Amino acid sequence: MALLGLSALNVLEVPLALHLGQWWLVAALAFFAFLAMRRMRLGLWRTAVLMLLLAAVGVVVILLQLLAHS
């Protein structure tokens, strides 16, 4: 919502705000996955790998959306 607010104030263009919002959601997904997995006692290495895999899935979803809409 903040990015769309910036686009309403002509700080960002709407398509750029939407793309930045998609990447922000991938970063938030990885962050919250890290918060959820840190109590699982998997170790830092396994937690980081799982977090990166989840972020990679988010990136694949964004790329598929871009492919479908272009």
Protein backbone atom coordinates (compact mmCIF):
# COMPACT_ATOMS: atom_id res chain seq x y z
CA MET A 1 0.00 0.00 0.00
CA ALA A 2 2.88 2.36 0.72
CA LEU A 3 4.28 1.84 -2.78
CA LEU A 4 0.90 2.55 -4.35
CA GLY A 5 0.65 5.63 -2.16
CA LEU A 6 4.01 6.79 -3.51
CA SER A 7 2.74 6.22 -7.02
CA ALA A 8 -0.33 8.32 -6.24
CA LEU A 9 2.01 11.11 -5.16
CA ASN A 10 3.92 10.77 -8.47
CA VAL A 11 7.07 9.57 -6.73
CA LEU A 12 6.90 6.20 -8.52
CA GLU A 13 5.06 5.08 -11.59
CA VAL A 14 2.28 2.55 -11.01
CA PRO A 15 3.88 -0.37 -12.92
CA LEU A 16 7.15 0.14 -11.04
CA ALA A 17 5.31 0.25 -7.72
CA LEU A 18 3.53 -3.00 -8.55
CA HIS A 19 6.76 -4.75 -9.54
CA LEU A 20 8.52 -3.53 -6.41
CA GLY A 21 5.56 -4.76 -4.38
CA GLN A 22 5.92 -8.24 -5.84
CA TRP A 23 9.60 -8.42 -4.89
CA TRP A 24 8.82 -6.99 -1.46
CA LEU A 25 6.35 -9.84 -0.92
CA VAL A 26 9.02 -12.42 -1.84
CA ALA A 27 11.38 -10.86 0.70
CA ALA A 28 8.63 -10.83 3.33
CA LEU A 29 7.85 -14.49 2.57
CA ALA A 30 11.49 -15.44 3.14
CA PHE A 31 11.67 -13.36 6.32
CA PHE A 32 8.56 -14.87 7.85
CA ALA A 33 9.69 -18.33 6.84
CA PHE A 34 12.92 -17.67 8.71
CA LEU A 35 10.97 -16.56 11.78
CA ALA A 36 8.82 -19.69 11.61
CA MET A 37 11.74 -22.08 11.11
CA ARG A 38 14.13 -20.67 13.69
CA ARG A 39 12.38 -22.57 16.51
CA MET A 40 12.51 -25.88 14.66
CA ARG A 41 16.14 -26.40 15.72
CA LEU A 42 17.25 -27.32 12.21
CA GLY A 43 20.44 -25.37 12.46
CA LEU A 44 21.33 -22.17 10.70
CA TRP A 45 22.48 -23.90 7.51
CA ARG A 46 19.27 -25.89 6.97
CA THR A 47 17.09 -22.93 7.92
CA ALA A 48 18.89 -20.71 5.41
CA VAL A 49 18.56 -23.33 2.65
CA LEU A 50 14.84 -23.77 3.29
CA MET A 51 14.34 -20.01 3.40
CA LEU A 52 16.13 -19.59 0.08
CA LEU A 53 14.12 -22.42 -1.50
CA LEU A 54 10.89 -20.76 -0.41
CA ALA A 55 12.09 -17.43 -1.80
CA ALA A 56 13.01 -19.20 -5.06
CA VAL A 57 9.47 -20.55 -5.31
CA GLY A 58 8.20 -16.98 -4.91
CA VAL A 59 10.52 -15.81 -7.69
CA VAL A 60 9.29 -18.60 -9.97
CA VAL A 61 5.70 -17.55 -9.32
CA ILE A 62 6.53 -13.94 -10.25
CA LEU A 63 8.32 -15.06 -13.41
CA LEU A 64 5.35 -17.23 -14.41
CA GLN A 65 3.02 -14.28 -13.87
CA LEU A 66 5.23 -12.07 -16.04
CA LEU A 67 5.34 -14.75 -18.72
CA ALA A 68 1.57 -15.21 -18.66
CA HIS A 69 0.82 -11.50 -18.87
CA SER A 70 3.33 -10.50 -21.51
